Amino acid sequence: MRKEGIHPEWHSEAPVICNGVEVMTVGGTKESYNVDIYSGNHPFYQGAQTSMVMDEGQVCVVCHLSQEG
């Protein structure tokens, strides 16, 4: 049983915003989520073997392991 007054408010349809566009909805404790990368634009899910991603002003080179062999 849930205690009253100690749990955060649950938002069952919180929008996920990437580059100003709503890309999906999720359940969570925030009204909305602003993200830079999600599965629709993440290099790994796009099939890239090597990617450059900006992380707090630094360039991070991401090398993905091949599924072959």
PDB file of N, CA and C in Angstrom:
ATOM      1  N   MET A   1       0.850  -1.179   0.000  1.00  0.00           N
ATOM      2  CA  MET A   1       0.000   0.000   0.000  1.00  0.00           C
ATOM      3  C   MET A   1       0.891   1.236   0.000  1.00  0.00           C
ATOM      4  N   ARG A   2       0.492   2.213  -0.719  1.00  0.00           N
ATOM      5  CA  ARG A   2       1.237   3.444  -0.913  1.00  0.00           C
ATOM      6  C   ARG A   2       0.945   4.457   0.198  1.00  0.00           C
ATOM      7  N   LYS A   3       2.007   5.048   0.770  1.00  0.00           N
ATOM      8  CA  LYS A   3       1.824   6.084   1.789  1.00  0.00           C
ATOM      9  C   LYS A   3       1.490   7.403   1.111  1.00  0.00           C
ATOM     10  N   GLU A   4       0.623   8.162   1.714  1.00  0.00           N
ATOM     11  CA  GLU A   4       0.216   9.457   1.167  1.00  0.00           C
ATOM     12  C   GLU A   4       1.283  10.514   1.440  1.00  0.00           C
ATOM     13  N   GLY A   5       1.508  11.384   0.457  1.00  0.00           N
ATOM     14  CA  GLY A   5       2.358  12.553   0.657  1.00  0.00           C
ATOM     15  C   GLY A   5       3.857  12.359   0.507  1.00  0.00           C
ATOM     16  N   ILE A   6       4.347  11.129   0.214  1.00  0.00           N
ATOM     17  CA  ILE A   6       5.795  10.948   0.106  1.00  0.00           C
ATOM     18  C   ILE A   6       6.241  10.567  -1.301  1.00  0.00           C
ATOM     19  N   HIS A   7       5.321  10.240  -2.182  1.00  0.00           N
ATOM     20  CA  HIS A   7       5.662   9.811  -3.535  1.00  0.00           C
ATOM     21  C   HIS A   7       5.523  10.972  -4.517  1.00  0.00           C
ATOM     22  N   PRO A   8       6.417  11.049  -5.492  1.00  0.00           N
ATOM     23  CA  PRO A   8       6.279  12.110  -6.500  1.00  0.00           C
ATOM     24  C   PRO A   8       5.058  11.854  -7.383  1.00  0.00           C
ATOM     25  N   GLU A   9       4.585  12.920  -8.012  1.00  0.00           N
ATOM     26  CA  GLU A   9       3.440  12.792  -8.914  1.00  0.00           C
ATOM     27  C   GLU A   9       3.856  11.999 -10.150  1.00  0.00           C
ATOM     28  N   TRP A  10       3.019  11.076 -10.580  1.00  0.00           N
ATOM     29  CA  TRP A  10       3.304  10.231 -11.739  1.00  0.00           C
ATOM     30  C   TRP A  10       2.589  10.787 -12.965  1.00  0.00           C
ATOM     31  N   HIS A  11       3.341  10.948 -14.048  1.00  0.00           N
ATOM     32  CA  HIS A  11       2.786  11.418 -15.314  1.00  0.00           C
ATOM     33  C   HIS A  11       2.840  10.247 -16.293  1.00  0.00           C
ATOM     34  N   SER A  12       1.695   9.688 -16.611  1.00  0.00           N
ATOM     35  CA  SER A  12       1.672   8.483 -17.438  1.00  0.00           C
ATOM     36  C   SER A  12       1.933   8.766 -18.917  1.00  0.00           C
ATOM     37  N   GLU A  13       1.758   9.994 -19.369  1.00  0.00           N
ATOM     38  CA  GLU A  13       1.973  10.349 -20.776  1.00  0.00           C
ATOM     39  C   GLU A  13       2.886  11.574 -20.864  1.00  0.00           C
ATOM     40  N   ALA A  14       4.097  11.478 -20.327  1.00  0.00           N
ATOM     41  CA  ALA A  14       5.046  12.591 -20.376  1.00  0.00           C
ATOM     42  C   ALA A  14       5.735  12.614 -21.739  1.00  0.00           C
ATOM     43  N   PRO A  15       5.675  13.752 -22.454  1.00  0.00           N
ATOM     44  CA  PRO A  15       6.315  13.806 -23.772  1.00  0.00           C
ATOM     45  C   PRO A  15       7.836  13.859 -23.657  1.00  0.00           C
ATOM     46  N   VAL A  16       8.516  13.217 -24.600  1.00  0.00           N
ATOM     47  CA  VAL A  16       9.974  13.282 -24.724  1.00  0.00           C
ATOM     48  C   VAL A  16      10.247  14.199 -25.914  1.00  0.00           C
ATOM     49  N   ILE A  17      10.983  15.301 -25.661  1.00  0.00           N
ATOM     50  CA  ILE A  17      11.243  16.327 -26.662  1.00  0.00           C
ATOM     51  C   ILE A  17      12.713  16.259 -27.071  1.00  0.00           C
ATOM     52  N   CYS A  18      12.983  16.165 -28.377  1.00  0.00           N
ATOM     53  CA  CYS A  18      14.341  16.177 -28.910  1.00  0.00           C
ATOM     54  C   CYS A  18      14.394  17.214 -30.029  1.00  0.00           C
ATOM     55  N   ASN A  19      15.253  18.209 -29.880  1.00  0.00           N
ATOM     56  CA  ASN A  19      15.373  19.293 -30.868  1.00  0.00           C
ATOM     57  C   ASN A  19      14.038  19.980 -31.146  1.00  0.00           C
ATOM     58  N   GLY A  20      13.243  20.169 -30.106  1.00  0.00           N
ATOM     59  CA  GLY A  20      11.970  20.871 -30.237  1.00  0.00           C
ATOM     60  C   GLY A  20      10.827  20.059 -30.798  1.00  0.00           C
ATOM     61  N   VAL A  21      11.043  18.765 -30.999  1.00  0.00           N
ATOM     62  CA  VAL A  21      10.010  17.891 -31.575  1.00  0.00           C
ATOM     63  C   VAL A  21       9.677  16.785 -30.583  1.00  0.00           C
ATOM     64  N   GLU A  22       8.397  16.543 -30.370  1.00  0.00           N
ATOM     65  CA  GLU A  22       7.990  15.424 -29.510  1.00  0.00           C
ATOM     66  C   GLU A  22       8.225  14.129 -30.266  1.00  0.00           C
ATOM     67  N   VAL A  23       9.085  13.264 -29.714  1.00  0.00           N
ATOM     68  CA  VAL A  23       9.464  12.041 -30.407  1.00  0.00           C
ATOM     69  C   VAL A  23       8.804  10.791 -29.819  1.00  0.00           C
ATOM     70  N   MET A  24       8.321  10.859 -28.599  1.00  0.00           N
ATOM     71  CA  MET A  24       7.633   9.732 -27.977  1.00  0.00           C
ATOM     72  C   MET A  24       7.037  10.196 -26.658  1.00  0.00           C
ATOM     73  N   THR A  25       6.276   9.354 -26.022  1.00  0.00           N
ATOM     74  CA  THR A  25       5.793   9.623 -24.670  1.00  0.00           C
ATOM     75  C   THR A  25       6.198   8.463 -23.780  1.00  0.00           C
ATOM     76  N   VAL A  26       6.455   8.795 -22.526  1.00  0.00           N
ATOM     77  CA  VAL A  26       6.836   7.786 -21.534  1.00  0.00           C
ATOM     78  C   VAL A  26       6.123   8.102 -20.227  1.00  0.00           C
ATOM     79  N   GLY A  27       6.101   7.156 -19.329  1.00  0.00           N
ATOM     80  CA  GLY A  27       5.617   7.395 -17.991  1.00  0.00           C
ATOM     81  C   GLY A  27       6.786   7.785 -17.112  1.00  0.00           C
ATOM     82  N   GLY A  28       6.592   8.794 -16.273  1.00  0.00           N
ATOM     83  CA  GLY A  28       7.691   9.213 -15.411  1.00  0.00           C
ATOM     84  C   GLY A  28       7.254  10.249 -14.398  1.00  0.00           C
ATOM     85  N   THR A  29       8.197  10.709 -13.611  1.00  0.00           N
ATOM     86  CA  THR A  29       7.903  11.665 -12.550  1.00  0.00           C
ATOM     87  C   THR A  29       8.054  13.119 -12.983  1.00  0.00           C
ATOM     88  N   LYS A  30       8.480  13.372 -14.225  1.00  0.00           N
ATOM     89  CA  LYS A  30       8.552  14.731 -14.757  1.00  0.00           C
ATOM     90  C   LYS A  30       7.403  14.948 -15.733  1.00  0.00           C
ATOM     91  N   GLU A  31       6.988  16.219 -15.901  1.00  0.00           N
ATOM     92  CA  GLU A  31       5.911  16.518 -16.843  1.00  0.00           C
ATOM     93  C   GLU A  31       6.361  16.306 -18.275  1.00  0.00           C
ATOM     94  N   SER A  32       7.647  16.564 -18.569  1.00  0.00           N
ATOM     95  CA  SER A  32       8.193  16.326 -19.900  1.00  0.00           C
ATOM     96  C   SER A  32       9.699  16.105 -19.772  1.00  0.00           C
ATOM     97  N   TYR A  33      10.282  15.493 -20.795  1.00  0.00           N
ATOM     98  CA  TYR A  33      11.708  15.187 -20.811  1.00  0.00           C
ATOM     99  C   TYR A  33      12.331  15.798 -22.060  1.00  0.00           C
ATOM    100  N   ASN A  34      13.356  16.640 -21.877  1.00  0.00           N
ATOM    101  CA  ASN A  34      14.105  17.221 -22.986  1.00  0.00           C
ATOM    102  C   ASN A  34      15.412  16.457 -23.117  1.00  0.00           C
ATOM    103  N   VAL A  35      15.627  15.836 -24.282  1.00  0.00           N
ATOM    104  CA  VAL A  35      16.809  14.997 -24.498  1.00  0.00           C
ATOM    105  C   VAL A  35      17.557  15.462 -25.740  1.00  0.00           C
ATOM    106  N   ASP A  36      18.845  15.154 -25.804  1.00  0.00           N
ATOM    107  CA  ASP A  36      19.657  15.449 -26.981  1.00  0.00           C
ATOM    108  C   ASP A  36      19.714  14.254 -27.928  1.00  0.00           C
ATOM    109  N   ILE A  37      19.741  13.057 -27.359  1.00  0.00           N
ATOM    110  CA  ILE A  37      19.852  11.831 -28.149  1.00  0.00           C
ATOM    111  C   ILE A  37      18.806  10.839 -27.657  1.00  0.00           C
ATOM    112  N   TYR A  38      18.147  10.172 -28.599  1.00  0.00           N
ATOM    113  CA  TYR A  38      17.206   9.099 -28.271  1.00  0.00           C
ATOM    114  C   TYR A  38      17.382   8.011 -29.313  1.00  0.00           C
ATOM    115  N   SER A  39      16.657   6.931 -29.220  1.00  0.00           N
ATOM    116  CA  SER A  39      16.878   5.796 -30.121  1.00  0.00           C
ATOM    117  C   SER A  39      16.673   6.146 -31.588  1.00  0.00           C
ATOM    118  N   GLY A  40      15.874   7.161 -31.890  1.00  0.00           N
ATOM    119  CA  GLY A  40      15.621   7.533 -33.272  1.00  0.00           C
ATOM    120  C   GLY A  40      16.750   8.288 -33.944  1.00  0.00           C
ATOM    121  N   ASN A  41      17.666   8.900 -33.154  1.00  0.00           N
ATOM    122  CA  ASN A  41      18.781   9.612 -33.773  1.00  0.00           C
ATOM    123  C   ASN A  41      20.137   9.193 -33.197  1.00  0.00           C
ATOM    124  N   HIS A  42      20.150   8.171 -32.368  1.00  0.00           N
ATOM    125  CA  HIS A  42      21.405   7.674 -31.794  1.00  0.00           C
ATOM    126  C   HIS A  42      22.159   6.882 -32.861  1.00  0.00           C
ATOM    127  N   PRO A  43      23.456   7.156 -33.018  1.00  0.00           N
ATOM    128  CA  PRO A  43      24.236   6.479 -34.068  1.00  0.00           C
ATOM    129  C   PRO A  43      24.185   4.955 -34.005  1.00  0.00           C
ATOM    130  N   PHE A  44      24.159   4.369 -32.825  1.00  0.00           N
ATOM    131  CA  PHE A  44      24.133   2.910 -32.698  1.00  0.00           C
ATOM    132  C   PHE A  44      22.892   2.334 -33.370  1.00  0.00           C
ATOM    133  N   TYR A  45      21.737   2.968 -33.138  1.00  0.00           N
ATOM    134  CA  TYR A  45      20.484   2.470 -33.704  1.00  0.00           C
ATOM    135  C   TYR A  45      20.330   2.832 -35.177  1.00  0.00           C
ATOM    136  N   GLN A  46      21.169   3.734 -35.683  1.00  0.00           N
ATOM    137  CA  GLN A  46      21.136   4.114 -37.089  1.00  0.00           C
ATOM    138  C   GLN A  46      22.078   3.259 -37.932  1.00  0.00           C
ATOM    139  N   GLY A  47      22.845   2.360 -37.297  1.00  0.00           N
ATOM    140  CA  GLY A  47      23.718   1.447 -38.020  1.00  0.00           C
ATOM    141  C   GLY A  47      25.121   1.974 -38.249  1.00  0.00           C
ATOM    142  N   ALA A  48      25.471   3.097 -37.641  1.00  0.00           N
ATOM    143  CA  ALA A  48      26.812   3.662 -37.822  1.00  0.00           C
ATOM    144  C   ALA A  48      27.839   2.841 -37.052  1.00  0.00           C
ATOM    145  N   GLN A  49      29.013   2.672 -37.646  1.00  0.00           N
ATOM    146  CA  GLN A  49      30.086   1.943 -36.965  1.00  0.00           C
ATOM    147  C   GLN A  49      30.922   2.877 -36.102  1.00  0.00           C
ATOM    148  N   THR A  50      31.113   4.111 -36.539  1.00  0.00           N
ATOM    149  CA  THR A  50      31.846   5.118 -35.770  1.00  0.00           C
ATOM    150  C   THR A  50      31.057   6.410 -35.830  1.00  0.00           C
ATOM    151  N   SER A  51      30.935   7.092 -34.704  1.00  0.00           N
ATOM    152  CA  SER A  51      30.134   8.296 -34.653  1.00  0.00           C
ATOM    153  C   SER A  51      30.839   9.357 -33.835  1.00  0.00           C
ATOM    154  N   MET A  52      30.525  10.610 -34.113  1.00  0.00           N
ATOM    155  CA  MET A  52      31.027  11.719 -33.308  1.00  0.00           C
ATOM    156  C   MET A  52      29.827  12.368 -32.641  1.00  0.00           C
ATOM    157  N   VAL A  53      29.873  12.467 -31.313  1.00  0.00           N
ATOM    158  CA  VAL A  53      28.778  13.023 -30.543  1.00  0.00           C
ATOM    159  C   VAL A  53      29.343  14.116 -29.649  1.00  0.00           C
ATOM    160  N   MET A  54      28.663  15.273 -29.588  1.00  0.00           N
ATOM    161  CA  MET A  54      29.083  16.351 -28.696  1.00  0.00           C
ATOM    162  C   MET A  54      28.552  16.061 -27.292  1.00  0.00           C
ATOM    163  N   ASP A  55      29.430  16.117 -26.307  1.00  0.00           N
ATOM    164  CA  ASP A  55      29.056  15.874 -24.915  1.00  0.00           C
ATOM    165  C   ASP A  55      29.624  17.013 -24.080  1.00  0.00           C
ATOM    166  N   GLU A  56      28.757  17.950 -23.695  1.00  0.00           N
ATOM    167  CA  GLU A  56      29.155  19.118 -22.916  1.00  0.00           C
ATOM    168  C   GLU A  56      30.333  19.837 -23.564  1.00  0.00           C
ATOM    169  N   GLY A  57      30.250  20.052 -24.874  1.00  0.00           N
ATOM    170  CA  GLY A  57      31.268  20.801 -25.571  1.00  0.00           C
ATOM    171  C   GLY A  57      32.474  19.994 -26.005  1.00  0.00           C
ATOM    172  N   GLN A  58      32.542  18.726 -25.663  1.00  0.00           N
ATOM    173  CA  GLN A  58      33.664  17.880 -26.057  1.00  0.00           C
ATOM    174  C   GLN A  58      33.185  16.872 -27.091  1.00  0.00           C
ATOM    175  N   VAL A  59      34.031  16.610 -28.061  1.00  0.00           N
ATOM    176  CA  VAL A  59      33.695  15.624 -29.075  1.00  0.00           C
ATOM    177  C   VAL A  59      34.062  14.239 -28.563  1.00  0.00           C
ATOM    178  N   CYS A  60      33.096  13.339 -28.575  1.00  0.00           N
ATOM    179  CA  CYS A  60      33.331  11.962 -28.152  1.00  0.00           C
ATOM    180  C   CYS A  60      33.203  11.073 -29.389  1.00  0.00           C
ATOM    181  N   VAL A  61      34.206  10.290 -29.674  1.00  0.00           N
ATOM    182  CA  VAL A  61      34.153   9.356 -30.780  1.00  0.00           C
ATOM    183  C   VAL A  61      33.663   8.028 -30.227  1.00  0.00           C
ATOM    184  N   VAL A  62      32.579   7.544 -30.794  1.00  0.00           N
ATOM    185  CA  VAL A  62      31.964   6.305 -30.325  1.00  0.00           C
ATOM    186  C   VAL A  62      32.202   5.243 -31.377  1.00  0.00           C
ATOM    187  N   CYS A  63      32.910   4.179 -31.025  1.00  0.00           N
ATOM    188  CA  CYS A  63      33.148   3.062 -31.943  1.00  0.00           C
ATOM    189  C   CYS A  63      32.280   1.898 -31.501  1.00  0.00           C
ATOM    190  N   HIS A  64      31.464   1.424 -32.395  1.00  0.00           N
ATOM    191  CA  HIS A  64      30.568   0.316 -32.081  1.00  0.00           C
ATOM    192  C   HIS A  64      31.212  -0.983 -32.549  1.00  0.00           C
ATOM    193  N   LEU A  65      31.087  -2.006 -31.740  1.00  0.00           N
ATOM    194  CA  LEU A  65      31.609  -3.306 -32.103  1.00  0.00           C
ATOM    195  C   LEU A  65      30.725  -3.947 -33.150  1.00  0.00           C
ATOM    196  N   SER A  66      31.332  -4.547 -34.114  1.00  0.00           N
ATOM    197  CA  SER A  66      30.590  -5.210 -35.175  1.00  0.00           C
ATOM    198  C   SER A  66      29.970  -6.484 -34.644  1.00  0.00           C
ATOM    199  N   GLN A  67      28.777  -6.791 -35.113  1.00  0.00           N
ATOM    200  CA  GLN A  67      28.086  -8.014 -34.726  1.00  0.00           C
ATOM    201  C   GLN A  67      28.602  -9.206 -35.525  1.00  0.00           C
ATOM    202  N   GLU A  68      29.458  -8.954 -36.519  1.00  0.00           N
ATOM    203  CA  GLU A  68      29.948 -10.030 -37.380  1.00  0.00           C
ATOM    204  C   GLU A  68      31.042 -10.837 -36.695  1.00  0.00           C
ATOM    205  N   GLY A  69      31.138 -12.082 -37.073  1.00  0.00           N
ATOM    206  CA  GLY A  69      32.246 -12.934 -36.643  1.00  0.00           C
ATOM    207  C   GLY A  69      32.127 -13.345 -35.279  1.00  0.00           C
TER     208      GLY A  69
END
